[in-house]
Amino acid sequence: MKSTTEQFDAVWGESIHQSRLGMSEESLGVLGEMCMAASSPEEMRSVSGVLNDLILWSRDDQYASQVLTEVIQPALRKTERRVLFFHLYGWLYGGAERAITSVANHLSHKYRVVVSVFEPVENASFHLGPEVALVPLYGNRDRVDRLVSLVRLISPDVFVGNNNSIPEFVGIYRDLRSLGIKSVAYNHEYYFYPHNHKELYPSVVERNRALAHASAACFLTTFSANAYALVNRNAAIMPNPNTFPVQNSHFNPGRKTILAVGRFSDPIKRVDRLLDAFYLVSEAHPDAKLVVVGPYNLDARVPFDSPETVGDILRRRHLDEDRVTFVGQQEEVSSYYEEADAFVLTSENEGFGMVLTEAGSFGLPSVLFSVPGLDDIIVDGVNGFIVPQGDVGAMAERLSKILGDVDLRRRMSEAARHLVGRFAIERVGARWEELISLILTSNNAKTIEEGLSLKFMTSVSDYGTFLRLVAGELESTAIKCARWGGDRGVVPYTSVKAAAEKLSFNLRNHGLKATARKAGRTLLGMTRERLITGKWW
């Protein structure tokens, strides 16, 4: 076996980083041969060092050696099981990490599963099974290129990507398709999430184009999947699994504890509305308590232009620690669900809202603002209440009703436990197995798309309401584009405003379908593309 330096110097040539495909084909081929051939302790150390220098960037030599022996070599030797490769943008305590842990563990009984993540790697509570390999890539520089190099080296049967609204990542599906690697875009965000965040605007158009190259683009709710299906034909509904077992009844008619769980450092969770709603509840129920679980910042202004901080709201409302308790991020949250009587969700939008299925597992009725898609989980008046987005008074009234009506709370508690069974890992896991089988056994995109339409899509129940919601989101995008576009000072504000007005006119006079089809040639197409991919950025 030649030395590491001799082998790699022979093919180094130009840079190993070529566009978005990572290492050159020749360099990658040599690295693969080295990984396959390494057997003696000296060879293993040498090859692990190369793997670490080029892809992993870890400070732990033992980690690189473990990846070589437990991940790379088995994949290259094509063992009897097919390989699934999941990727996440970090390994934290979020809903995506919890869901993928459950899905990966389920699929590991049938497939060899690799879960690769970028930094930070902080999660120590969501336990991947012994058959699942966790492969962090350290360092921020060239991380997508290095990820693509790792995927090409392993050559999995199916790649499953996450965080598809991040501009630097979303093009990976086009790259993988050019390499003949099948992929699933597993979207945990609400479909219109990037439309509402200025920093994500560069991915609004590119995301739809890029996801068209995936074998399947999965969204968590009926609404989001059908909104995406207006643009591309590879849509699929893939809900997140419930990650808690359904608990026995712990009904306590005399207790009045409301629970909120989430990443409250994110303004989209609207902790300001949470506190305002609870203040109104406390007027009707002075003995009620609110427990807030998750990251938070009392000095934050929510929304950004608010004259008050979160702490200011607490002081103005005289909500002391006896009534409102912020406990911060917790590795274990089940005890908080067990000690609560109702759940509240005040987010402006959610991809799925796993906290709703978690609450249902503990028999908690939920009250939430209307977010398109969450009616897949909460049936209004059955296992909770859905109130108009931002209507704090209506939310407080529904919470007060649940706390004050023991019979209603008991009925909703039983319904919550029953309905959450729709998202059991056995059912969602079987759906994943069927999806992967469809992708692996189909030879062309058209066959996959037909299978997705037949088995993985459900039409929205009220198409008129669906169209109005989508049209409203697109109009909101147009308005934001006009406002934010003028701020950039490169494209004249008047031309951006005219494009926004044109989109709104088309929506009102020609309908959503016609507008969506023309979107590539109006604001969300050529104009939006120029704003995104041109000189602005």
Protein backbone atom coordinates (compact mmCIF):
# COMPACT_ATOMS: atom_id res chain seq x y z
CA MET A 1 0.00 0.00 0.00
CA LYS A 2 1.49 3.35 -1.05
CA SER A 3 1.85 6.06 1.52
CA THR A 4 -0.98 8.51 2.01
CA THR A 5 1.08 11.34 0.60
CA GLU A 6 2.13 9.43 -2.53
CA GLN A 7 -1.41 8.33 -3.38
CA PHE A 8 -3.03 11.67 -2.82
CA ASP A 9 -0.32 13.82 -4.41
CA ALA A 10 -0.72 11.71 -7.56
CA VAL A 11 -4.30 12.87 -8.09
CA TRP A 12 -4.46 16.16 -6.24
CA GLY A 13 -4.10 18.30 -9.35
CA GLU A 14 -6.26 21.36 -8.92
CA SER A 15 -8.40 21.96 -5.84
CA ILE A 16 -10.23 19.03 -4.30
CA HIS A 17 -13.28 21.27 -3.99
CA GLN A 18 -14.94 21.44 -7.39
CA SER A 19 -18.16 23.46 -7.41
CA ARG A 20 -20.86 21.87 -5.25
CA LEU A 21 -19.76 18.31 -5.89
CA GLY A 22 -16.94 18.35 -3.37
CA MET A 23 -13.82 16.38 -4.23
CA SER A 24 -12.87 15.58 -7.81
CA GLU A 25 -13.95 12.18 -9.13
CA GLU A 26 -10.35 10.96 -9.30
CA SER A 27 -9.50 12.11 -5.77
CA LEU A 28 -12.66 10.55 -4.38
CA GLY A 29 -11.90 7.30 -6.19
CA VAL A 30 -8.47 7.11 -4.62
CA LEU A 31 -9.87 7.88 -1.17
CA GLY A 32 -12.43 5.11 -1.63
CA GLU A 33 -9.73 2.62 -2.65
CA MET A 34 -7.65 3.60 0.36
CA CYS A 35 -10.61 3.10 2.70
CA MET A 36 -11.36 -0.30 1.20
CA ALA A 37 -7.77 -1.50 1.34
CA ALA A 38 -6.90 -0.31 4.85
CA SER A 39 -6.60 -3.23 7.27
CA SER A 40 -3.49 -3.04 9.46
CA PRO A 41 -3.46 -0.66 12.43
CA GLU A 42 -0.93 1.57 10.67
CA GLU A 43 -3.00 1.71 7.48
CA MET A 44 -6.17 2.40 9.44
CA ARG A 45 -4.54 5.32 11.24
CA SER A 46 -3.17 6.72 8.02
CA VAL A 47 -6.45 6.50 6.10
CA SER A 48 -8.47 7.78 9.07
CA GLY A 49 -6.20 10.82 9.12
CA VAL A 50 -6.86 11.53 5.43
CA LEU A 51 -10.61 11.06 5.92
CA ASN A 52 -10.51 13.43 8.86
CA ASP A 53 -8.44 16.07 7.05
CA LEU A 54 -10.64 16.08 3.96
CA ILE A 55 -14.17 15.56 5.26
CA LEU A 56 -14.73 15.15 9.01
CA TRP A 57 -12.45 17.83 10.48
CA SER A 58 -12.65 16.30 13.94
CA ARG A 59 -10.02 16.80 16.64
CA ASP A 60 -10.60 13.23 17.80
CA ASP A 61 -8.53 10.71 15.83
CA GLN A 62 -10.48 7.85 17.36
CA TYR A 63 -13.72 9.28 15.97
CA ALA A 64 -12.33 9.30 12.42
CA SER A 65 -11.19 5.70 12.84
CA GLN A 66 -14.65 4.71 14.06
CA VAL A 67 -16.33 6.35 11.05
CA LEU A 68 -13.95 4.49 8.74
CA THR A 69 -14.59 1.06 10.23
CA GLU A 70 -18.27 1.35 11.15
CA VAL A 71 -19.62 3.50 8.32
CA ILE A 72 -17.33 3.88 5.31
CA GLN A 73 -15.96 0.36 4.94
CA PRO A 74 -19.31 -1.47 5.39
CA ALA A 75 -20.96 0.88 2.87
CA LEU A 76 -18.17 0.42 0.31
CA ARG A 77 -18.27 -3.35 0.70
CA LYS A 78 -21.99 -3.31 -0.15
CA THR A 79 -23.25 -5.43 2.71
CA GLU A 80 -26.62 -7.12 2.37
CA ARG A 81 -28.62 -4.11 3.63
CA ARG A 82 -29.37 -0.98 1.64
CA VAL A 83 -28.00 2.30 3.01
CA LEU A 84 -30.12 5.31 4.00
CA PHE A 85 -28.31 8.59 4.66
CA PHE A 86 -30.12 11.26 6.74
CA HIS A 87 -28.74 14.78 7.14
CA LEU A 88 -29.60 17.56 9.61
CA TYR A 89 -28.20 21.04 10.21
CA GLY A 90 -27.01 20.35 13.74
CA TRP A 91 -27.95 17.90 16.48
CA LEU A 92 -29.95 19.86 19.03
CA TYR A 93 -33.17 19.31 21.02
CA GLY A 94 -35.65 20.33 18.32
CA GLY A 95 -38.62 18.62 16.78
CA ALA A 96 -36.72 17.61 13.64
CA GLU A 97 -34.05 15.86 15.69
CA ARG A 98 -36.66 14.08 17.78
CA ALA A 99 -38.61 12.96 14.70
CA ILE A 100 -35.58 11.76 12.75
CA THR A 101 -34.33 9.85 15.79
CA SER A 102 -37.61 7.95 15.86
CA VAL A 103 -37.73 7.36 12.09
CA ALA A 104 -34.05 6.35 11.84
CA ASN A 105 -34.39 3.88 14.72
CA HIS A 106 -37.46 2.34 13.10
CA LEU A 107 -35.83 2.00 9.69
CA SER A 108 -32.58 0.62 11.10
CA HIS A 109 -34.27 -2.76 11.54
CA LYS A 110 -34.39 -3.04 7.75
CA TYR A 111 -31.70 -0.69 6.43
CA ARG A 112 -28.21 0.45 7.36
CA VAL A 113 -28.85 4.03 8.52
CA VAL A 114 -26.36 6.90 8.71
CA VAL A 115 -27.32 10.23 10.29
CA SER A 116 -24.91 13.04 9.44
CA VAL A 117 -25.09 16.46 11.08
CA PHE A 118 -23.26 19.77 11.10
CA GLU A 119 -22.20 21.55 14.27
CA PRO A 120 -23.39 22.25 16.92
CA VAL A 121 -23.73 18.73 18.33
CA GLU A 122 -25.34 19.24 21.73
CA ASN A 123 -28.15 16.70 21.90
CA ALA A 124 -27.54 13.98 24.46
CA SER A 125 -31.16 12.96 25.09
CA PHE A 126 -32.52 11.68 21.77
CA HIS A 127 -30.94 8.25 21.60
CA LEU A 128 -30.16 6.73 18.23
CA GLY A 129 -30.18 2.95 18.29
CA PRO A 130 -27.01 0.85 18.07
CA GLU A 131 -27.66 0.15 14.39
CA VAL A 132 -27.68 3.88 13.51
CA ALA A 133 -24.38 5.71 12.93
CA LEU A 134 -24.18 9.40 13.88
CA VAL A 135 -21.53 11.19 11.79
CA PRO A 136 -20.95 14.87 12.66
CA LEU A 137 -19.01 17.08 10.23
CA TYR A 138 -17.10 19.66 12.21
CA GLY A 139 -16.24 23.22 11.20
CA ASN A 140 -18.32 25.59 9.09
CA ARG A 141 -16.06 26.16 6.08
CA ASP A 142 -16.92 24.11 2.97
CA ARG A 143 -19.33 22.01 5.00
CA VAL A 144 -21.81 21.39 2.18
CA ASP A 145 -18.99 20.42 -0.18
CA ARG A 146 -17.63 18.03 2.43
CA LEU A 147 -21.12 16.62 3.00
CA VAL A 148 -21.50 15.93 -0.72
CA SER A 149 -18.05 14.28 -0.75
CA LEU A 150 -19.11 12.04 2.14
CA VAL A 151 -22.37 11.12 0.41
CA ARG A 152 -20.54 10.33 -2.82
CA LEU A 153 -18.00 8.24 -0.91
CA ILE A 154 -20.69 6.19 0.84
CA SER A 155 -23.00 6.20 -2.20
CA PRO A 156 -26.20 5.52 -0.22
CA ASP A 157 -29.28 4.04 -1.85
CA VAL A 158 -31.36 7.01 -0.65
CA PHE A 159 -30.30 10.39 0.76
CA VAL A 160 -32.82 12.14 3.07
CA GLY A 161 -32.17 15.86 3.54
CA ASN A 162 -33.59 18.37 6.00
CA ASN A 163 -33.47 22.19 6.46
CA ASN A 164 -34.33 22.80 2.83
CA SER A 165 -34.96 26.52 3.26
CA ILE A 166 -31.27 27.25 3.87
CA PRO A 167 -29.79 28.73 0.66
CA GLU A 168 -26.36 27.09 0.88
CA PHE A 169 -27.88 23.62 1.21
CA VAL A 170 -30.91 23.42 -1.04
CA GLY A 171 -28.99 22.82 -4.29
CA ILE A 172 -27.78 19.44 -3.04
CA TYR A 173 -30.71 17.60 -4.64
CA ARG A 174 -29.69 18.72 -8.12
CA ASP A 175 -26.12 17.64 -7.39
CA LEU A 176 -27.15 14.21 -6.13
CA ARG A 177 -29.44 13.60 -9.07
CA SER A 178 -26.57 14.35 -11.45
CA LEU A 179 -24.60 11.70 -9.57
CA GLY A 180 -27.38 9.13 -9.83
CA ILE A 181 -28.17 9.17 -6.09
CA LYS A 182 -31.88 9.10 -5.23
CA SER A 183 -33.06 11.51 -2.57
CA VAL A 184 -35.94 12.56 -0.36
CA ALA A 185 -36.38 16.16 0.73
CA TYR A 186 -37.84 15.85 4.25
CA ASN A 187 -39.23 19.34 4.88
CA HIS A 188 -39.95 20.15 8.52
CA GLU A 189 -40.89 23.77 7.91
CA TYR A 190 -44.26 25.17 6.96
CA TYR A 191 -44.23 25.48 3.15
CA PHE A 192 -44.32 29.30 3.23
CA TYR A 193 -41.77 29.60 6.05
CA PRO A 194 -38.97 31.09 3.89
CA HIS A 195 -41.43 33.59 2.40
CA ASN A 196 -41.72 35.19 5.82
CA HIS A 197 -38.03 35.51 6.67
CA LYS A 198 -35.87 38.07 4.93
CA GLU A 199 -32.66 36.08 5.38
CA LEU A 200 -34.24 33.05 3.65
CA TYR A 201 -35.51 34.90 0.58
CA PRO A 202 -32.58 33.61 -1.51
CA SER A 203 -34.13 30.14 -1.29
CA VAL A 204 -37.75 30.99 -2.17
CA VAL A 205 -37.43 30.34 -5.89
CA GLU A 206 -34.38 28.08 -5.77
CA ARG A 207 -36.02 25.76 -3.24
CA ASN A 208 -38.88 24.85 -5.57
CA ARG A 209 -36.50 24.32 -8.46
CA ALA A 210 -34.09 22.29 -6.37
CA LEU A 211 -36.73 20.10 -4.73
CA ALA A 212 -37.98 19.11 -8.17
CA HIS A 213 -34.74 17.10 -8.49
CA ALA A 214 -35.52 15.00 -5.40
CA SER A 215 -37.26 11.68 -5.91
CA ALA A 216 -39.85 12.87 -3.38
CA ALA A 217 -40.42 16.15 -1.55
CA CYS A 218 -42.13 15.34 1.73
CA PHE A 219 -44.07 17.90 3.74
CA LEU A 220 -45.55 17.28 7.15
CA THR A 221 -49.13 18.41 6.58
CA THR A 222 -51.84 18.15 3.94
CA PHE A 223 -51.79 21.91 3.44
CA SER A 224 -48.05 22.31 2.91
CA ALA A 225 -47.80 19.28 0.60
CA ASN A 226 -50.69 20.50 -1.56
CA ALA A 227 -49.27 24.04 -1.68
CA TYR A 228 -45.97 22.63 -2.95
CA ALA A 229 -47.86 20.37 -5.39
CA LEU A 230 -49.11 23.48 -7.19
CA VAL A 231 -45.52 23.92 -8.41
CA ASN A 232 -43.99 20.42 -8.63
CA ARG A 233 -45.32 16.88 -9.07
CA ASN A 234 -43.14 14.99 -6.59
CA ALA A 235 -45.03 16.04 -3.45
CA ALA A 236 -45.78 13.67 -0.58
CA ILE A 237 -47.40 13.98 2.84
CA MET A 238 -45.18 12.51 5.54
CA PRO A 239 -46.27 13.47 9.08
CA ASN A 240 -43.86 13.34 11.95
CA PRO A 241 -44.25 10.38 14.28
CA ASN A 242 -45.40 10.85 17.83
CA THR A 243 -42.33 10.24 19.97
CA PHE A 244 -44.06 9.63 23.31
CA PRO A 245 -46.10 6.55 24.27
CA VAL A 246 -49.73 7.30 25.07
CA GLN A 247 -49.97 7.71 28.83
CA ASN A 248 -52.61 6.44 31.24
CA SER A 249 -55.06 8.98 32.54
CA HIS A 250 -53.73 11.40 35.14
CA PHE A 251 -56.80 13.63 35.12
CA ASN A 252 -56.82 16.15 37.97
CA PRO A 253 -60.07 18.17 37.98
CA GLY A 254 -58.87 20.60 40.64
CA ARG A 255 -55.65 21.67 38.91
CA LYS A 256 -55.37 24.53 36.38
CA THR A 257 -51.91 24.38 34.85
CA ILE A 258 -51.38 25.51 31.26
CA LEU A 259 -48.25 24.31 29.48
CA ALA A 260 -46.33 25.82 26.55
CA VAL A 261 -43.34 24.00 25.05
CA GLY A 262 -41.17 25.40 22.28
CA ARG A 263 -38.14 27.39 21.18
CA PHE A 264 -39.34 30.70 22.62
CA SER A 265 -36.11 32.45 21.66
CA ASP A 266 -37.63 32.39 18.14
CA PRO A 267 -39.96 35.39 17.62
CA ILE A 268 -42.25 33.26 15.45
CA LYS A 269 -43.42 31.47 18.63
CA ARG A 270 -44.96 34.79 19.79
CA VAL A 271 -44.28 34.55 23.50
CA ASP A 272 -45.80 38.04 23.81
CA ARG A 273 -49.19 36.70 22.76
CA LEU A 274 -48.74 33.74 25.09
CA LEU A 275 -48.36 36.09 28.07
CA ASP A 276 -51.20 38.35 26.99
CA ALA A 277 -53.55 35.37 26.61
CA PHE A 278 -52.59 33.94 29.98
CA TYR A 279 -53.15 37.34 31.64
CA LEU A 280 -56.77 37.23 30.40
CA VAL A 281 -57.12 33.63 31.58
CA SER A 282 -55.81 34.57 35.02
CA GLU A 283 -58.52 37.20 35.38
CA ALA A 284 -61.15 34.45 35.06
CA HIS A 285 -59.08 31.85 36.92
CA PRO A 286 -56.80 33.54 39.50
CA ASP A 287 -55.50 30.10 40.54
CA ALA A 288 -54.31 29.22 37.01
CA LYS A 289 -50.60 28.74 36.33
CA LEU A 290 -48.52 28.89 33.15
CA VAL A 291 -45.36 26.81 32.70
CA VAL A 292 -43.11 27.71 29.75
CA VAL A 293 -40.58 25.05 28.69
CA GLY A 294 -37.86 25.87 26.17
CA PRO A 295 -35.19 28.49 25.39
CA TYR A 296 -36.27 32.07 26.10
CA ASN A 297 -34.92 35.60 26.46
CA LEU A 298 -36.69 38.04 28.75
CA ASP A 299 -34.77 40.92 27.15
CA ALA A 300 -36.01 40.10 23.64
CA ARG A 301 -38.57 42.25 21.84
CA VAL A 302 -41.31 40.15 20.28
CA PRO A 303 -42.12 41.07 17.58
CA PHE A 304 -38.88 42.82 16.61
CA ASP A 305 -40.47 46.27 16.48
CA SER A 306 -42.25 45.94 19.82
CA PRO A 307 -41.62 48.80 22.29
CA GLU A 308 -41.61 46.22 25.11
CA THR A 309 -39.36 43.34 26.02
CA VAL A 310 -40.77 40.04 27.26
CA GLY A 311 -39.73 41.06 30.76
CA ASP A 312 -41.60 44.36 30.36
CA ILE A 313 -44.81 42.44 29.54
CA LEU A 314 -44.42 40.28 32.62
CA ARG A 315 -44.00 43.35 34.81
CA ARG A 316 -46.85 45.30 33.19
CA ARG A 317 -49.19 42.35 33.56
CA HIS A 318 -47.98 41.68 37.13
CA LEU A 319 -47.30 38.06 36.18
CA ASP A 320 -44.95 36.98 38.93
CA GLU A 321 -43.11 33.68 39.28
CA ASP A 322 -45.98 32.18 41.28
CA ARG A 323 -48.16 32.33 38.18
CA VAL A 324 -45.73 32.16 35.23
CA THR A 325 -42.68 29.92 35.36
CA PHE A 326 -40.01 29.88 32.65
CA VAL A 327 -37.98 26.69 33.11
CA GLY A 328 -35.75 26.99 30.03
CA GLN A 329 -34.59 24.15 27.79
CA GLN A 330 -35.06 20.72 29.33
CA GLU A 331 -33.62 17.42 28.19
CA GLU A 332 -36.61 15.59 29.65
CA VAL A 333 -40.06 17.14 29.22
CA SER A 334 -42.51 14.34 30.02
CA SER A 335 -42.86 15.38 33.67
CA TYR A 336 -44.10 18.82 32.57
CA TYR A 337 -46.78 17.26 30.37
CA GLU A 338 -47.82 14.97 33.24
CA GLU A 339 -48.33 17.94 35.55
CA ALA A 340 -50.34 20.05 33.09
CA ASP A 341 -54.06 20.26 32.28
CA ALA A 342 -54.12 22.12 28.96
CA PHE A 343 -51.62 22.96 26.24
CA VAL A 344 -51.27 26.23 24.34
CA LEU A 345 -49.51 27.01 21.04
CA THR A 346 -49.18 30.66 19.99
CA SER A 347 -46.93 30.30 16.93
CA GLU A 348 -47.48 32.32 13.77
CA ASN A 349 -46.64 29.22 11.74
CA GLU A 350 -45.44 25.67 12.30
CA GLY A 351 -44.28 22.90 10.02
CA PHE A 352 -46.15 20.28 12.04
CA GLY A 353 -46.20 21.13 15.72
CA MET A 354 -44.90 17.94 17.32
CA VAL A 355 -45.68 19.44 20.70
CA LEU A 356 -49.36 18.96 19.83
CA THR A 357 -48.98 15.20 19.42
CA GLU A 358 -46.80 15.10 22.53
CA ALA A 359 -49.51 16.91 24.48
CA GLY A 360 -52.11 14.53 23.08
CA SER A 361 -50.12 11.55 24.36
CA PHE A 362 -50.59 12.90 27.87
CA GLY A 363 -54.27 13.64 27.36
CA LEU A 364 -53.87 17.42 27.15
CA PRO A 365 -56.42 19.34 25.06
CA SER A 366 -54.69 22.04 22.99
CA VAL A 367 -55.64 25.59 22.13
CA LEU A 368 -53.78 27.15 19.21
CA PHE A 369 -53.89 29.94 16.71
CA SER A 370 -54.98 28.86 13.26
CA VAL A 371 -51.96 27.71 11.26
CA PRO A 372 -52.61 26.03 7.90
CA GLY A 373 -51.96 22.31 8.27
CA LEU A 374 -52.30 21.93 12.03
CA ASP A 375 -55.92 20.88 11.57
CA ASP A 376 -54.35 17.55 10.56
CA ILE A 377 -53.62 17.13 14.29
CA ILE A 378 -56.22 19.15 16.18
CA VAL A 379 -59.91 18.72 15.36
CA ASP A 380 -61.58 21.90 16.52
CA GLY A 381 -63.94 21.20 19.40
CA VAL A 382 -62.85 17.56 19.73
CA ASN A 383 -59.28 17.34 21.07
CA GLY A 384 -58.77 21.08 21.37
CA PHE A 385 -59.73 24.45 19.95
CA ILE A 386 -58.37 26.41 16.96
CA VAL A 387 -58.87 30.18 17.10
CA PRO A 388 -58.13 32.86 14.48
CA GLN A 389 -54.45 33.72 14.13
CA GLY A 390 -53.51 36.45 16.58
CA ASP A 391 -56.90 36.57 18.36
CA VAL A 392 -55.59 36.60 21.92
CA GLY A 393 -59.06 37.17 23.37
CA ALA A 394 -60.48 34.08 21.65
CA MET A 395 -57.52 32.00 22.80
CA ALA A 396 -57.99 33.11 26.40
CA GLU A 397 -61.72 32.39 26.24
CA ARG A 398 -61.13 28.82 24.99
CA LEU A 399 -58.43 28.14 27.59
CA SER A 400 -60.73 29.47 30.32
CA LYS A 401 -63.53 27.26 29.04
CA ILE A 402 -61.34 24.14 29.28
CA LEU A 403 -60.11 25.01 32.78
CA GLY A 404 -63.62 25.81 34.00
CA ASP A 405 -65.54 22.87 32.50
CA VAL A 406 -64.33 19.60 34.00
CA ASP A 407 -66.56 17.41 31.82
CA LEU A 408 -65.35 19.14 28.64
CA ARG A 409 -61.75 18.77 29.73
CA ARG A 410 -62.27 15.08 30.43
CA ARG A 411 -63.88 14.46 27.00
CA MET A 412 -61.15 16.34 25.18
CA SER A 413 -58.48 14.53 27.17
CA GLU A 414 -59.83 11.13 26.09
CA ALA A 415 -60.14 12.31 22.46
CA ALA A 416 -56.57 13.63 22.52
CA ARG A 417 -55.21 10.21 23.54
CA HIS A 418 -57.30 8.45 20.91
CA LEU A 419 -56.53 10.74 17.96
CA VAL A 420 -52.78 10.84 18.58
CA GLY A 421 -52.67 7.18 17.55
CA ARG A 422 -52.79 8.38 13.93
CA PHE A 423 -49.15 9.41 14.35
CA ALA A 424 -47.78 6.33 16.08
CA ILE A 425 -44.29 5.37 14.87
CA GLU A 426 -45.66 2.00 13.70
CA ARG A 427 -47.95 3.79 11.23
CA VAL A 428 -45.56 6.56 10.20
CA GLY A 429 -42.63 4.12 10.03
CA ALA A 430 -44.60 1.81 7.72
CA ARG A 431 -45.33 4.83 5.53
CA TRP A 432 -41.59 5.57 5.34
CA GLU A 433 -40.86 1.96 4.38
CA GLU A 434 -43.44 2.13 1.60
CA LEU A 435 -41.98 5.42 0.33
CA ILE A 436 -38.42 4.08 0.25
CA SER A 437 -39.58 0.90 -1.47
CA LEU A 438 -41.35 2.97 -4.14
CA ILE A 439 -38.21 5.03 -4.76
CA LEU A 440 -35.84 2.04 -4.85
CA THR A 441 -38.00 -0.10 -7.13
CA SER A 442 -38.99 2.58 -9.64
CA ASN A 443 -36.80 3.27 -12.65
CA ASN A 444 -37.99 6.74 -13.61
CA ALA A 445 -39.34 9.92 -12.07
CA LYS A 446 -42.76 9.60 -13.71
CA THR A 447 -43.41 6.23 -12.08
CA ILE A 448 -42.40 7.62 -8.68
CA GLU A 449 -44.61 10.68 -9.14
CA GLU A 450 -47.59 8.50 -10.01
CA GLY A 451 -46.98 6.38 -6.92
CA LEU A 452 -46.64 9.48 -4.74
CA SER A 453 -49.90 10.92 -6.05
CA LEU A 454 -51.73 7.63 -5.49
CA LYS A 455 -50.39 6.62 -2.07
CA PHE A 456 -48.86 9.66 -0.40
CA MET A 457 -51.14 12.58 -1.21
CA THR A 458 -54.56 13.55 0.13
CA SER A 459 -56.59 16.41 -1.26
CA VAL A 460 -57.47 19.29 1.04
CA SER A 461 -60.99 19.04 2.47
CA ASP A 462 -62.04 22.57 1.47
CA TYR A 463 -60.36 23.59 -1.76
CA GLY A 464 -61.81 27.11 -1.75
CA THR A 465 -60.39 27.84 1.69
CA PHE A 466 -57.10 26.27 0.64
CA LEU A 467 -56.84 28.57 -2.39
CA ARG A 468 -57.61 31.62 -0.31
CA LEU A 469 -54.93 30.73 2.23
CA VAL A 470 -52.30 30.15 -0.47
CA ALA A 471 -53.30 33.34 -2.27
CA GLY A 472 -53.01 35.25 0.98
CA GLU A 473 -49.50 33.90 1.56
CA LEU A 474 -48.41 34.85 -1.95
CA GLU A 475 -49.84 38.34 -1.57
CA SER A 476 -48.01 38.69 1.73
CA THR A 477 -44.83 37.62 -0.05
CA ALA A 478 -45.41 40.27 -2.71
CA ILE A 479 -45.84 42.98 -0.10
CA LYS A 480 -42.72 41.93 1.80
CA CYS A 481 -40.75 41.79 -1.44
CA ALA A 482 -41.78 45.32 -2.30
CA ARG A 483 -40.87 46.61 1.16
CA TRP A 484 -37.64 44.64 1.60
CA GLY A 485 -36.65 45.08 -2.04
CA GLY A 486 -36.75 48.84 -1.75
CA ASP A 487 -34.52 48.59 1.32
CA ARG A 488 -31.75 46.98 -0.71
CA GLY A 489 -31.41 50.02 -2.91
CA VAL A 490 -30.25 48.14 -6.03
CA VAL A 491 -33.47 47.47 -7.90
CA PRO A 492 -35.69 50.58 -7.90
CA TYR A 493 -38.49 50.36 -5.34
CA THR A 494 -41.08 51.37 -7.94
CA SER A 495 -40.28 48.41 -10.21
CA VAL A 496 -40.46 45.94 -7.32
CA LYS A 497 -43.73 47.48 -6.14
CA ALA A 498 -45.17 47.18 -9.65
CA ALA A 499 -44.26 43.50 -9.78
CA ALA A 500 -45.92 42.97 -6.39
CA GLU A 501 -49.06 44.72 -7.56
CA LYS A 502 -49.10 42.60 -10.72
CA LEU A 503 -49.00 39.41 -8.67
CA SER A 504 -51.84 40.60 -6.45
CA PHE A 505 -53.90 41.54 -9.54
CA ASN A 506 -53.36 38.11 -11.08
CA LEU A 507 -54.38 36.35 -7.87
CA ARG A 508 -57.64 38.29 -7.62
CA ASN A 509 -58.61 38.17 -11.29
CA HIS A 510 -57.18 34.94 -12.67
CA GLY A 511 -57.12 32.62 -9.66
CA LEU A 512 -54.36 30.81 -7.87
CA LYS A 513 -53.65 28.03 -10.37
CA ALA A 514 -53.07 30.39 -13.27
CA THR A 515 -51.00 32.69 -11.09
CA ALA A 516 -48.92 29.85 -9.69
CA ARG A 517 -48.13 28.60 -13.18
CA LYS A 518 -47.08 32.07 -14.23
CA ALA A 519 -45.14 32.68 -11.04
CA GLY A 520 -41.88 31.76 -12.73
CA ARG A 521 -42.41 34.74 -15.04
CA THR A 522 -43.71 37.26 -12.50
CA LEU A 523 -42.62 38.38 -9.06
CA LEU A 524 -41.81 34.93 -7.67
CA GLY A 525 -40.08 33.96 -10.88
CA MET A 526 -37.84 36.11 -13.06
CA THR A 527 -38.22 39.25 -10.96
CA ARG A 528 -37.75 37.32 -7.73
CA GLU A 529 -34.86 35.41 -9.26
CA ARG A 530 -33.11 38.65 -10.19
CA LEU A 531 -33.64 39.97 -6.70
CA ILE A 532 -32.30 36.74 -5.20
CA THR A 533 -29.57 35.46 -7.46
CA GLY A 534 -28.48 38.68 -9.13
CA LYS A 535 -26.38 41.54 -7.84
CA TRP A 536 -28.31 42.01 -4.63
CA TRP A 537 -26.62 39.14 -2.86
